[in-house]
Every structure is written in C-alpha cells, then in structure tokens.
Amino acid sequence: MPVHALAASSTTTSTTTKPATGQAAWDEALLRRYDTSGPRYTSYPTALSFHDQFTPGDLTQALERSNEGQRPLSLYVHIPFCHKICFYCACNKIATKNTALAEPYLTRLDREMVLTARHLDTSRPVEQLHWGGGTPTFLSLNQMGDLIDRLDARFGLSSSPGRDYAIEIDPREADVFTLRHLQSLGFNRISLGVQDLSPLVQKAINRIQPRVLTETLMDEAHRLGFRSLNLDLIYGLPFQTEKSFARTLRQVIELNPARLSIFNYAHLPERFAPQRRINVDDLPSGDEKLAILRTTIEMLTAAGYVHIGMDHFARPDDSLAMAQSEGSLQRNFQGYSSHAQCDLLGLGVSAISRIDDVYAQNPSDLARYETALDQGQLATVRGLRLSHDDLIRRDVIERLMCAMQIDLTDVSQRWNIDAPRYFAPALERLQDAELDGLLTRSGDRLSATPIGRLLIRHLAMAFDAHLPQHTGQRYSKVI
C-alpha cells in the first residue's frame, strides 16, 4: 500500500498549454496555487475526527442497526506481514520471513469474525472482499485457504458472478500456482504492485522486480479469466524523471491492465522509518513531478483509459468506469469501488469499518489488537458516529469525488433540505475556483472542469465542516 501524499512543488515560471479537444488545459501556476494540503476523502468525516470515546459496544450496536437496512456486506482483511521492506512504504506492516508467525494472527482474525458475526444477519450477501496489507501473498497457500474457509464459515461468501473479490499481490512472491489457488478460493480481481519498471528506481527503493515477473502473472491471470486486473505505480520516487516514467508507462500500456492506480509519493522519514534509507537528493523536484503527472494523464488518455479521479484510471469496459458512468461509483478506505451501498467491515490490525452511520477502527499496534481479542472483546479503539449533518455532507463530498459533479436539486430531494441555502457558505468558498475555471455552475449543478478534476480534493474541502478543526494536522497535497 503506497503512500498517497505529494511533496510541495517548487516555484518556477508557469506554463499554460492550450488544450486539444477533450483535454484539460495545463496551467502550472494554477495547479501550484491550489495544490494545498487536504484530505483524500476515503471517508467523511476523515479519520482525524475519530475519537477514543467510541467503544466496541458502539460498533456492535451499529452492526445490529445495520441489519434493518439489509445492505450487502463488504469485508476488508488486513494482512500486515511482508518478507522484505520497501523503502518508500508507509503501511502498517511487520517484516519477517517466517510464515508461521501468521498463524496466531489468523487465529485472532477468526475470533474477531466470531465476535462481529454474532451481531450481523449473515444471510446478507458478501458482495465485496478485499485482502490488503502488508502483503497478503505473504501467507502460504494453505493459510490462504484456511482464511477463506473461516470467512465463509462466519459470513457466507458469495459465488455470484457479480461479486468483487480482490487481493493485493507482490509479483516477487507469487507465481502461476498462486493465481490458480486464488481463483479456486473465489478471487476474481487482483492488484499487482509494480511501482516502477526502471532497475535504477527499483534498486533505490529496495524492490528489485523485473518486468517478466509482472508480465508472466498478468498473462496467466488473463488466461484464467480474472475479471479485472489492476497495477499499482508510484511517481515521485528516487531517480524518476518524466522520460524514465514515460518508459515505464509505455511498457505498462503494452501489458494492457484493466485498471491503473498511480499514486504520488511523499517523503516523510520522520514518520516512516524505512524512508530514511532514501536519499532526499535523489528525489525528483516538484517541477519534475508535475511533468510526470502531466505525461501520465496524457499517455493513459491517449491509450484509451478513463481518468476515474485522483490516482485511478480504468478502461471504458471495466466495472469501475461503468459504475462512474452509471452514477453508482463509491469511495471507501480502499479507494474507488464499483459496489455502492455496502456496509464495510474491516478485520485485522489497523482496519477501519464503515457500518450504518459509524466508523470504527482497530489499533495499529499488533499487541493491543491481540490482547483485546484474547479477552473476548472487539479490538475497536476509536471511531465516530455521524451526525445528520455529517451524513448529508458525506453524500455530497462522495458524489463530487466519484461523479466529479453535484446536482443540488437531487441533494435537496434526497435529504429534504434546500441544498443551495444549506450549502451557501460552501458555494461562496467555491467562487474563486469557479472564476479560475476549476468548476462550472449551471443552475443547481456544479461540475468539475478537466483541470478541476485534478484538484477535486480542494473542491471537496469547501463542504467539509470538520476541516477547520484539523488545520494544524498534516495532510498530503491535493495533487
């Protein structure tokens, strides 16, 4: 799981490019002016609003309330183990080569499943399943099978063709047998961590990964009929340039993945110890990172990919692009999702749940997570129950982040409010952005322009009632 933050750009002479048909104008001065820090809005309110007065009992009450709505379930399972540390990484992880160390963790995961399943109507379909990390493929094939069996026993997994069962894979630790096993377990979507195909960059981040490893797995995944395949890339890593990243992109486009996630890197060695192994002088400048971003968007758009939003791109025939076109795209802690209106249950250390009108998070410390479960309690340590205002604003921010537009007339009808009046202060805050061409307003419909899509987080911040409370906190840059 890469870091999603972008270091501040340096100041240089602006460059404005007249757009070709269907392309965004590229105004570096405008991008720099609006490239302030702000939330990524994988949730609203963001995790900074979670508090430690939220208890396991609050989560169990939310689980029981959620049964009334009979929404489908989405399960996220966090596997924190990695065989080797990548220097850019800022994930919650444990580095070890001993897969036996995962056994006690799997036992605790099962206890957490039992404790949560007691409060859930488990006839509700599990439409989504996502294993993240860390490195989920750290687990042995037997351990993966055991974990799936436990999930199925506690919640009842689905065999529906419409299910979205995904797993993050490190190509250095998987082979064709891994893919065949994952398919037999019910996974139909995979995400491969690539980051960059340049040997120089790979050496600098301690992740040597020849293209053939990725290509072999992709070929086998296509042959096996996995429904969708995602590649993760990162820009802003040491020794990257616009030209070098373009070479990586050309190779990636040849591989033809259904989806691409292209994250930007923030160098925060004071917070993440592995990053101290990266020499800051080897990192690309702010100007170079903007050039990489511009080239990325141009190359992928020319190759036929839809820019879903922020870091995500998808082929037009992929479920992510189709969900956006249909207005059903959702945003959650794993990014964009094609399965809307699920209750998300997070399992494992540091995992976050979104159930009914609450968010609940487990501790990031493994010992604290284990101790709670050993005492027969859920490991929830912080969370939040949303107010009515939070729910309204979450709806608006999520629609803006997913559809790149808001219809205030629809908002008025859904929430029985006068939305233009309710959000008058937010609309006033957006006036400068409208004058600068980041959005257009036609009646009660607000739409992000092509360049506004790059700054969509900034536009969403206008509707965030909690943001002033967190101005002293460090967010990543908005592009």
Protein backbone atom coordinates (compact mmCIF):
# COMPACT_ATOMS: atom_id res chain seq x y z
CA MET A 1 0.00 0.00 0.00
CA PRO A 2 1.81 3.10 -1.19
CA VAL A 3 1.84 6.48 0.48
CA HIS A 4 -0.62 8.82 -1.21
CA ALA A 5 0.98 12.17 -0.45
CA LEU A 6 2.75 14.57 -2.78
CA ALA A 7 5.57 16.82 -1.68
CA ALA A 8 5.21 20.53 -2.26
CA SER A 9 6.15 21.78 -5.69
CA SER A 10 8.87 24.36 -6.13
CA THR A 11 8.06 27.71 -7.69
CA THR A 12 9.01 28.32 -11.30
CA THR A 13 7.69 30.18 -14.30
CA SER A 14 4.19 28.99 -15.17
CA THR A 15 3.39 27.07 -18.31
CA THR A 16 -0.09 27.13 -19.80
CA THR A 17 -0.93 24.79 -22.63
CA LYS A 18 -3.92 25.30 -24.86
CA PRO A 19 -5.98 22.09 -24.63
CA ALA A 20 -6.63 19.80 -27.52
CA THR A 21 -10.23 18.64 -27.93
CA GLY A 22 -11.35 16.81 -24.79
CA GLN A 23 -8.12 17.52 -22.89
CA ALA A 24 -7.51 19.71 -19.88
CA ALA A 25 -5.58 22.94 -20.04
CA TRP A 26 -2.32 22.53 -18.16
CA ASP A 27 -1.69 25.65 -16.13
CA GLU A 28 1.20 25.08 -13.74
CA ALA A 29 0.66 28.37 -11.91
CA LEU A 30 -2.97 27.46 -11.26
CA LEU A 31 -2.07 23.96 -10.13
CA ARG A 32 0.53 25.29 -7.71
CA ARG A 33 -1.85 27.90 -6.32
CA TYR A 34 -4.46 25.27 -5.49
CA ASP A 35 -2.06 22.48 -4.56
CA THR A 36 -2.59 22.93 -0.84
CA SER A 37 -2.82 20.14 1.72
CA GLY A 38 -6.13 18.41 2.24
CA PRO A 39 -7.91 15.10 2.92
CA ARG A 40 -8.23 12.31 0.37
CA TYR A 41 -11.84 11.73 1.48
CA THR A 42 -11.76 7.98 1.63
CA SER A 43 -14.21 8.82 4.39
CA TYR A 44 -16.13 11.84 5.61
CA PRO A 45 -15.57 12.89 8.29
CA THR A 46 -11.94 11.86 7.95
CA ALA A 47 -10.06 9.66 10.42
CA LEU A 48 -8.77 12.76 12.22
CA SER A 49 -12.28 13.18 13.61
CA PHE A 50 -12.35 9.70 15.13
CA HIS A 51 -12.16 9.73 18.94
CA ASP A 52 -11.25 7.21 21.62
CA GLN A 53 -14.58 7.56 23.45
CA PHE A 54 -16.03 5.34 20.71
CA THR A 55 -16.19 1.82 22.18
CA PRO A 56 -16.58 -1.77 20.95
CA GLY A 57 -20.14 -1.54 22.25
CA ASP A 58 -20.81 1.34 19.88
CA LEU A 59 -19.66 -0.84 16.99
CA THR A 60 -21.84 -3.80 18.00
CA GLN A 61 -24.88 -1.51 18.21
CA ALA A 62 -24.10 -0.24 14.72
CA LEU A 63 -23.78 -3.81 13.43
CA GLU A 64 -27.22 -4.61 14.83
CA ARG A 65 -28.77 -1.43 13.40
CA SER A 66 -27.31 -2.25 10.00
CA ASN A 67 -29.33 -5.46 9.80
CA GLU A 68 -32.50 -3.41 9.43
CA GLY A 69 -31.34 -1.92 6.15
CA GLN A 70 -30.22 -5.32 4.81
CA ARG A 71 -27.41 -3.74 2.82
CA PRO A 72 -24.88 -6.17 1.31
CA LEU A 73 -21.59 -6.65 3.13
CA SER A 74 -18.07 -5.71 2.11
CA LEU A 75 -15.22 -7.36 4.03
CA TYR A 76 -11.70 -5.93 4.26
CA VAL A 77 -8.99 -8.13 5.78
CA HIS A 78 -5.64 -6.59 6.69
CA ILE A 79 -2.60 -8.88 6.43
CA PRO A 80 0.29 -6.91 7.95
CA PHE A 81 3.20 -9.21 7.10
CA CYS A 82 5.93 -8.64 4.49
CA HIS A 83 9.02 -10.69 3.69
CA LYS A 84 11.01 -7.58 2.87
CA ILE A 85 10.62 -3.85 3.48
CA CYS A 86 10.32 -1.47 0.54
CA PHE A 87 11.95 1.82 1.45
CA TYR A 88 9.03 4.01 0.26
CA CYS A 89 6.47 2.13 2.36
CA ALA A 90 4.26 3.78 4.98
CA CYS A 91 1.87 0.89 5.58
CA ASN A 92 1.09 -0.92 8.80
CA LYS A 93 3.40 -3.93 8.40
CA ILE A 94 5.60 -6.49 10.12
CA ALA A 95 8.75 -7.64 8.33
CA THR A 96 9.57 -11.33 8.74
CA LYS A 97 10.45 -14.32 6.59
CA ASN A 98 8.70 -16.78 8.91
CA THR A 99 5.18 -17.52 7.62
CA ALA A 100 4.46 -19.49 10.80
CA LEU A 101 4.19 -16.14 12.59
CA ALA A 102 0.96 -15.55 10.70
CA GLU A 103 -0.77 -18.48 12.45
CA PRO A 104 -1.53 -16.64 15.73
CA TYR A 105 -2.75 -13.69 13.69
CA LEU A 106 -5.15 -15.86 11.69
CA THR A 107 -6.49 -17.24 14.97
CA ARG A 108 -7.15 -13.69 16.22
CA LEU A 109 -8.81 -12.80 12.92
CA ASP A 110 -11.18 -15.73 13.41
CA ARG A 111 -12.03 -14.55 16.92
CA GLU A 112 -12.80 -11.12 15.53
CA MET A 113 -15.04 -12.71 12.89
CA VAL A 114 -16.93 -14.68 15.54
CA LEU A 115 -17.45 -11.61 17.72
CA THR A 116 -18.75 -9.48 14.85
CA ALA A 117 -20.85 -12.20 13.20
CA ARG A 118 -22.84 -12.56 16.44
CA HIS A 119 -24.39 -9.16 15.74
CA LEU A 120 -24.87 -9.50 11.97
CA ASP A 121 -27.55 -11.12 9.90
CA THR A 122 -25.13 -13.30 7.97
CA SER A 123 -27.71 -14.05 5.29
CA ARG A 124 -26.73 -10.66 3.89
CA PRO A 125 -24.63 -11.29 0.77
CA VAL A 126 -20.90 -10.56 0.86
CA GLU A 127 -20.63 -8.68 -2.43
CA GLN A 128 -17.09 -7.41 -1.82
CA LEU A 129 -13.99 -8.93 -0.31
CA HIS A 130 -10.58 -7.28 -0.26
CA TRP A 131 -7.32 -8.52 1.24
CA GLY A 132 -4.75 -5.78 1.74
CA GLY A 133 -1.58 -5.25 3.67
CA GLY A 134 1.27 -5.52 4.13
CA THR A 135 1.48 -8.33 1.64
CA PRO A 136 -1.46 -10.76 1.61
CA THR A 137 0.54 -13.19 -0.54
CA PHE A 138 2.93 -13.49 2.40
CA LEU A 139 0.53 -16.22 3.54
CA SER A 140 1.15 -19.76 2.36
CA LEU A 141 -1.39 -21.35 0.04
CA ASN A 142 -2.72 -23.41 2.94
CA GLN A 143 -3.04 -20.32 5.14
CA MET A 144 -4.94 -18.50 2.38
CA GLY A 145 -7.32 -21.44 2.07
CA ASP A 146 -7.77 -21.55 5.84
CA LEU A 147 -8.60 -17.84 5.97
CA ILE A 148 -11.16 -18.14 3.17
CA ASP A 149 -12.75 -21.13 4.94
CA ARG A 150 -13.05 -19.10 8.14
CA LEU A 151 -14.58 -16.13 6.33
CA ASP A 152 -17.05 -18.41 4.59
CA ALA A 153 -17.97 -20.18 7.83
CA ARG A 154 -18.60 -16.90 9.67
CA PHE A 155 -20.22 -14.76 6.97
CA GLY A 156 -21.06 -16.96 3.98
CA LEU A 157 -19.08 -15.93 0.90
CA SER A 158 -20.68 -15.50 -2.49
CA SER A 159 -20.24 -17.35 -5.77
CA SER A 160 -22.22 -14.73 -7.71
CA PRO A 161 -20.60 -13.61 -10.97
CA GLY A 162 -21.20 -10.04 -9.84
CA ARG A 163 -19.09 -10.36 -6.68
CA ASP A 164 -15.93 -8.26 -6.38
CA TYR A 165 -13.31 -10.35 -4.55
CA ALA A 166 -9.87 -8.74 -4.77
CA ILE A 167 -6.40 -9.32 -3.36
CA GLU A 168 -3.19 -7.32 -3.46
CA ILE A 169 -0.25 -9.33 -4.85
CA ASP A 170 3.51 -8.82 -4.75
CA PRO A 171 4.72 -10.33 -8.08
CA ARG A 172 8.04 -11.23 -6.42
CA GLU A 173 6.22 -13.61 -4.08
CA ALA A 174 3.63 -15.20 -6.37
CA ASP A 175 3.57 -17.48 -9.39
CA VAL A 176 1.05 -19.16 -11.66
CA PHE A 177 0.23 -21.69 -8.94
CA THR A 178 -0.61 -18.82 -6.57
CA LEU A 179 -3.04 -17.39 -9.12
CA ARG A 180 -4.70 -20.73 -9.74
CA HIS A 181 -5.12 -21.21 -6.00
CA LEU A 182 -6.58 -17.72 -5.56
CA GLN A 183 -9.04 -18.37 -8.36
CA SER A 184 -10.12 -21.61 -6.70
CA LEU A 185 -10.71 -19.64 -3.48
CA GLY A 186 -13.13 -17.32 -5.28
CA PHE A 187 -11.00 -14.26 -6.02
CA ASN A 188 -11.88 -12.70 -9.36
CA ARG A 189 -9.84 -9.47 -9.26
CA ILE A 190 -6.17 -8.94 -8.46
CA SER A 191 -3.94 -5.94 -7.93
CA LEU A 192 -0.22 -6.22 -8.66
CA GLY A 193 2.30 -3.91 -7.01
CA VAL A 194 4.75 -2.68 -9.65
CA GLN A 195 5.70 0.91 -8.64
CA ASP A 196 8.26 1.41 -11.45
CA LEU A 197 9.95 -0.78 -14.07
CA SER A 198 13.24 1.13 -14.03
CA PRO A 199 16.04 -1.02 -12.49
CA LEU A 200 17.67 2.16 -11.12
CA VAL A 201 14.50 3.18 -9.29
CA GLN A 202 13.85 -0.38 -8.11
CA LYS A 203 17.31 -0.60 -6.56
CA ALA A 204 16.83 2.74 -4.77
CA ILE A 205 13.55 1.61 -3.16
CA ASN A 206 14.76 -1.94 -2.35
CA ARG A 207 12.26 -3.58 -4.68
CA ILE A 208 14.01 -5.44 -7.50
CA GLN A 209 11.20 -6.65 -9.76
CA PRO A 210 11.97 -7.44 -13.43
CA ARG A 211 9.13 -6.85 -15.87
CA VAL A 212 8.96 -10.57 -16.68
CA LEU A 213 7.58 -11.32 -13.19
CA THR A 214 4.66 -8.95 -13.69
CA GLU A 215 4.11 -9.95 -17.32
CA THR A 216 4.02 -13.68 -16.53
CA LEU A 217 1.42 -13.19 -13.80
CA MET A 218 -0.69 -10.93 -15.99
CA ASP A 219 -0.65 -13.43 -18.85
CA GLU A 220 -1.76 -16.21 -16.51
CA ALA A 221 -4.43 -14.01 -14.89
CA HIS A 222 -5.90 -13.23 -18.31
CA ARG A 223 -5.77 -16.90 -19.27
CA LEU A 224 -7.52 -17.91 -16.06
CA GLY A 225 -10.24 -15.34 -16.68
CA PHE A 226 -9.79 -12.97 -13.74
CA ARG A 227 -12.43 -10.31 -14.28
CA SER A 228 -10.23 -7.30 -13.64
CA LEU A 229 -6.56 -6.67 -13.09
CA ASN A 230 -5.01 -3.56 -11.52
CA LEU A 231 -1.41 -2.38 -11.50
CA ASP A 232 -0.07 -0.02 -8.83
CA LEU A 233 2.56 2.54 -9.82
CA ILE A 234 4.14 5.35 -7.79
CA TYR A 235 5.60 8.60 -9.05
CA GLY A 236 7.97 10.83 -7.11
CA LEU A 237 10.41 8.01 -6.26
CA PRO A 238 14.20 8.46 -6.34
CA PHE A 239 15.81 8.82 -9.79
CA GLN A 240 12.47 9.10 -11.58
CA THR A 241 12.20 11.61 -14.42
CA GLU A 242 9.45 12.43 -16.87
CA LYS A 243 11.27 10.42 -19.54
CA SER A 244 12.00 7.42 -17.32
CA PHE A 245 8.43 7.21 -16.08
CA ALA A 246 7.15 7.52 -19.64
CA ARG A 247 9.23 4.43 -20.47
CA THR A 248 7.55 2.58 -17.61
CA LEU A 249 4.13 3.76 -18.79
CA ARG A 250 4.77 2.59 -22.36
CA GLN A 251 5.58 -0.89 -21.07
CA VAL A 252 2.56 -0.88 -18.76
CA ILE A 253 0.23 0.17 -21.58
CA GLU A 254 1.58 -2.76 -23.61
CA LEU A 255 0.57 -5.05 -20.75
CA ASN A 256 -2.99 -3.65 -21.04
CA PRO A 257 -4.26 -3.85 -17.43
CA ALA A 258 -7.96 -3.07 -16.88
CA ARG A 259 -7.12 -0.60 -14.13
CA LEU A 260 -4.19 1.51 -13.01
CA SER A 261 -3.57 3.18 -9.67
CA ILE A 262 -0.82 5.77 -9.94
CA PHE A 263 -0.03 7.12 -6.50
CA ASN A 264 2.20 10.02 -5.64
CA TYR A 265 4.93 9.64 -3.05
CA ALA A 266 5.55 11.85 -0.02
CA HIS A 267 8.94 11.65 1.63
CA LEU A 268 8.18 11.67 5.37
CA PRO A 269 11.18 9.94 7.01
CA GLU A 270 10.38 11.46 10.39
CA ARG A 271 7.16 9.42 10.41
CA PHE A 272 8.11 6.31 8.45
CA ALA A 273 11.45 4.75 9.34
CA PRO A 274 12.01 2.81 6.07
CA GLN A 275 12.03 6.10 4.15
CA ARG A 276 15.21 7.11 5.97
CA ARG A 277 17.02 4.77 3.58
CA ILE A 278 16.07 7.05 0.68
CA ASN A 279 18.38 9.96 -0.12
CA VAL A 280 16.30 13.12 -0.41
CA ASP A 281 18.70 14.48 -3.04
CA ASP A 282 17.73 11.58 -5.33
CA LEU A 283 14.04 12.54 -5.36
CA PRO A 284 12.56 14.38 -8.36
CA SER A 285 11.84 18.08 -7.94
CA GLY A 286 8.35 19.49 -7.70
CA ASP A 287 8.61 20.60 -11.32
CA GLU A 288 9.61 17.12 -12.42
CA LYS A 289 6.73 15.54 -10.51
CA LEU A 290 4.23 17.86 -12.21
CA ALA A 291 5.76 16.92 -15.55
CA ILE A 292 5.43 13.22 -14.69
CA LEU A 293 1.79 13.72 -13.72
CA ARG A 294 1.02 15.57 -16.93
CA THR A 295 2.71 12.94 -19.09
CA THR A 296 0.91 10.17 -17.21
CA ILE A 297 -2.53 11.65 -17.84
CA GLU A 298 -1.76 12.38 -21.50
CA MET A 299 -0.33 8.93 -22.24
CA LEU A 300 -3.08 6.98 -20.50
CA THR A 301 -5.84 9.12 -22.02
CA ALA A 302 -4.32 8.60 -25.47
CA ALA A 303 -4.24 4.86 -24.77
CA GLY A 304 -7.98 4.86 -24.13
CA TYR A 305 -8.08 4.87 -20.32
CA VAL A 306 -10.72 6.83 -18.43
CA HIS A 307 -9.37 9.07 -15.66
CA ILE A 308 -11.74 8.00 -12.90
CA GLY A 309 -10.40 10.54 -10.44
CA MET A 310 -7.28 11.31 -8.46
CA ASP A 311 -4.93 8.32 -8.89
CA HIS A 312 -7.27 5.89 -10.66
CA PHE A 313 -7.57 5.04 -14.36
CA ALA A 314 -9.64 2.31 -15.99
CA ARG A 315 -10.51 1.00 -19.42
CA PRO A 316 -14.01 2.05 -20.53
CA ASP A 317 -15.24 -1.56 -20.34
CA ASP A 318 -14.05 -2.02 -16.74
CA SER A 319 -16.64 -2.08 -13.96
CA LEU A 320 -15.06 0.98 -12.32
CA ALA A 321 -15.54 3.15 -15.41
CA MET A 322 -19.02 1.76 -15.99
CA ALA A 323 -20.02 2.47 -12.37
CA GLN A 324 -18.87 6.06 -12.74
CA SER A 325 -20.85 6.40 -15.97
CA GLU A 326 -23.94 4.97 -14.26
CA GLY A 327 -23.57 7.18 -11.19
CA SER A 328 -23.05 4.27 -8.77
CA LEU A 329 -19.33 4.70 -8.06
CA GLN A 330 -18.43 4.77 -4.36
CA ARG A 331 -15.36 5.82 -2.44
CA ASN A 332 -14.13 3.94 0.62
CA PHE A 333 -10.94 3.20 2.53
CA GLN A 334 -9.59 1.10 -0.35
CA GLY A 335 -10.18 3.89 -2.89
CA TYR A 336 -12.86 3.81 -5.59
CA SER A 337 -15.35 0.95 -5.64
CA SER A 338 -17.89 -0.25 -8.19
CA HIS A 339 -20.13 -1.74 -5.48
CA ALA A 340 -22.10 1.02 -3.80
CA GLN A 341 -24.17 0.90 -0.64
CA CYS A 342 -22.35 -1.92 1.16
CA ASP A 343 -21.64 -1.97 4.86
CA LEU A 344 -17.86 -2.31 5.11
CA LEU A 345 -16.46 -4.47 7.91
CA GLY A 346 -12.72 -4.10 8.49
CA LEU A 347 -10.93 -7.07 10.07
CA GLY A 348 -7.40 -7.11 11.40
CA VAL A 349 -4.88 -4.73 12.90
CA SER A 350 -5.48 -1.05 11.90
CA ALA A 351 -8.59 -1.96 9.83
CA ILE A 352 -11.46 0.55 9.62
CA SER A 353 -15.16 -0.33 9.35
CA ARG A 354 -17.94 1.78 7.86
CA ILE A 355 -21.15 0.31 9.27
CA ASP A 356 -24.51 2.06 9.16
CA ASP A 357 -23.79 5.58 10.46
CA VAL A 358 -20.45 4.88 12.20
CA TYR A 359 -16.76 4.46 11.53
CA ALA A 360 -14.76 2.16 13.81
CA GLN A 361 -11.03 1.49 13.78
CA ASN A 362 -8.86 -1.25 15.27
CA PRO A 363 -5.50 -0.42 16.87
CA SER A 364 -2.40 -0.16 14.70
CA ASP A 365 -0.40 -1.90 17.41
CA LEU A 366 -0.50 -5.69 16.95
CA ALA A 367 -0.07 -6.48 20.66
CA ARG A 368 -3.01 -4.27 21.60
CA TYR A 369 -5.15 -5.86 18.88
CA GLU A 370 -4.28 -9.37 20.09
CA THR A 371 -4.83 -8.55 23.78
CA ALA A 372 -8.36 -7.25 23.21
CA LEU A 373 -9.40 -10.33 21.26
CA ASP A 374 -7.76 -12.66 23.78
CA GLN A 375 -10.03 -11.06 26.37
CA GLY A 376 -13.08 -11.83 24.24
CA GLN A 377 -13.64 -8.23 23.14
CA LEU A 378 -13.67 -6.49 19.80
CA ALA A 379 -10.48 -4.52 19.28
CA THR A 380 -12.14 -1.20 18.41
CA VAL A 381 -10.13 1.69 19.89
CA ARG A 382 -11.56 4.74 18.14
CA GLY A 383 -14.36 5.78 15.85
CA LEU A 384 -17.23 8.15 15.25
CA ARG A 385 -21.00 8.15 14.94
CA LEU A 386 -22.04 10.56 12.23
CA SER A 387 -24.49 13.39 12.86
CA HIS A 388 -27.29 14.16 10.39
CA ASP A 389 -25.16 17.00 9.01
CA ASP A 390 -22.22 14.60 8.61
CA LEU A 391 -24.39 12.21 6.60
CA ILE A 392 -25.56 14.97 4.26
CA ARG A 393 -22.04 16.29 3.73
CA ARG A 394 -20.66 12.77 3.26
CA ASP A 395 -23.18 12.22 0.48
CA VAL A 396 -22.24 15.48 -1.26
CA ILE A 397 -18.48 15.01 -0.94
CA GLU A 398 -18.67 11.41 -2.11
CA ARG A 399 -20.76 12.37 -5.15
CA LEU A 400 -18.26 15.09 -6.01
CA MET A 401 -15.27 12.76 -5.61
CA CYS A 402 -16.91 9.98 -7.64
CA ALA A 403 -19.04 11.73 -10.28
CA MET A 404 -16.98 14.94 -10.46
CA GLN A 405 -20.23 16.88 -10.17
CA ILE A 406 -23.07 17.62 -7.75
CA ASP A 407 -26.72 18.20 -8.55
CA LEU A 408 -28.04 20.26 -5.65
CA THR A 409 -31.62 19.63 -6.75
CA ASP A 410 -31.07 15.90 -6.23
CA VAL A 411 -29.43 16.61 -2.86
CA SER A 412 -32.44 18.67 -1.81
CA GLN A 413 -34.80 15.82 -2.68
CA ARG A 414 -32.71 13.08 -1.05
CA TRP A 415 -32.28 14.92 2.24
CA ASN A 416 -35.43 17.10 2.30
CA ILE A 417 -33.42 20.31 2.53
CA ASP A 418 -32.92 23.45 0.47
CA ALA A 419 -29.42 22.43 -0.61
CA PRO A 420 -28.34 25.75 -2.21
CA ARG A 421 -29.28 27.54 1.02
CA TYR A 422 -27.87 24.78 3.26
CA PHE A 423 -24.55 24.93 1.46
CA ALA A 424 -24.46 28.68 0.84
CA PRO A 425 -21.14 29.11 2.75
CA ALA A 426 -19.56 26.27 0.74
CA LEU A 427 -20.78 27.74 -2.55
CA GLU A 428 -19.31 31.08 -1.54
CA ARG A 429 -15.95 29.42 -0.82
CA LEU A 430 -16.03 27.92 -4.33
CA GLN A 431 -16.48 31.24 -6.11
CA ASP A 432 -12.75 31.77 -6.71
CA ALA A 433 -12.41 28.22 -8.02
CA GLU A 434 -15.28 28.90 -10.43
CA LEU A 435 -13.67 32.15 -11.60
CA ASP A 436 -10.38 30.29 -12.11
CA GLY A 437 -12.08 27.67 -14.26
CA LEU A 438 -11.96 24.72 -11.87
CA LEU A 439 -15.70 24.20 -11.95
CA THR A 440 -18.78 25.39 -13.77
CA ARG A 441 -22.24 26.04 -12.41
CA SER A 442 -25.39 25.61 -14.44
CA GLY A 443 -28.41 26.22 -12.26
CA ASP A 444 -28.04 23.88 -9.30
CA ARG A 445 -25.49 21.62 -11.00
CA LEU A 446 -21.79 22.03 -10.16
CA SER A 447 -19.31 20.25 -12.46
CA ALA A 448 -15.54 20.00 -12.19
CA THR A 449 -13.72 21.04 -15.35
CA PRO A 450 -10.88 18.86 -16.69
CA ILE A 451 -8.29 20.77 -14.67
CA GLY A 452 -10.71 20.89 -11.73
CA ARG A 453 -10.71 17.09 -11.69
CA LEU A 454 -7.03 17.21 -10.79
CA LEU A 455 -7.91 19.45 -7.84
CA ILE A 456 -11.10 17.64 -6.84
CA ARG A 457 -9.93 17.29 -3.25
CA HIS A 458 -9.67 21.07 -2.99
CA LEU A 459 -13.21 21.46 -4.30
CA ALA A 460 -14.50 18.87 -1.83
CA MET A 461 -12.86 20.71 1.07
CA ALA A 462 -15.40 23.54 0.65
CA PHE A 463 -18.12 21.20 2.01
CA ASP A 464 -16.04 19.87 4.94
CA ALA A 465 -17.39 21.21 8.24
CA HIS A 466 -14.70 19.41 10.28
CA LEU A 467 -11.70 20.71 8.35
CA PRO A 468 -11.12 23.90 10.42
CA GLN A 469 -10.61 21.69 13.49
CA HIS A 470 -7.70 19.91 11.79
CA THR A 471 -5.84 22.80 10.17
CA GLY A 472 -2.77 22.02 12.25
CA GLN A 473 -2.67 18.43 11.03
CA ARG A 474 -0.54 17.35 8.11
CA TYR A 475 -2.46 16.22 5.05
CA SER A 476 -0.95 15.29 1.72
CA LYS A 477 -1.01 17.74 -1.19
CA VAL A 478 -4.21 17.65 -3.22
CA ILE A 479 -2.46 16.56 -6.45
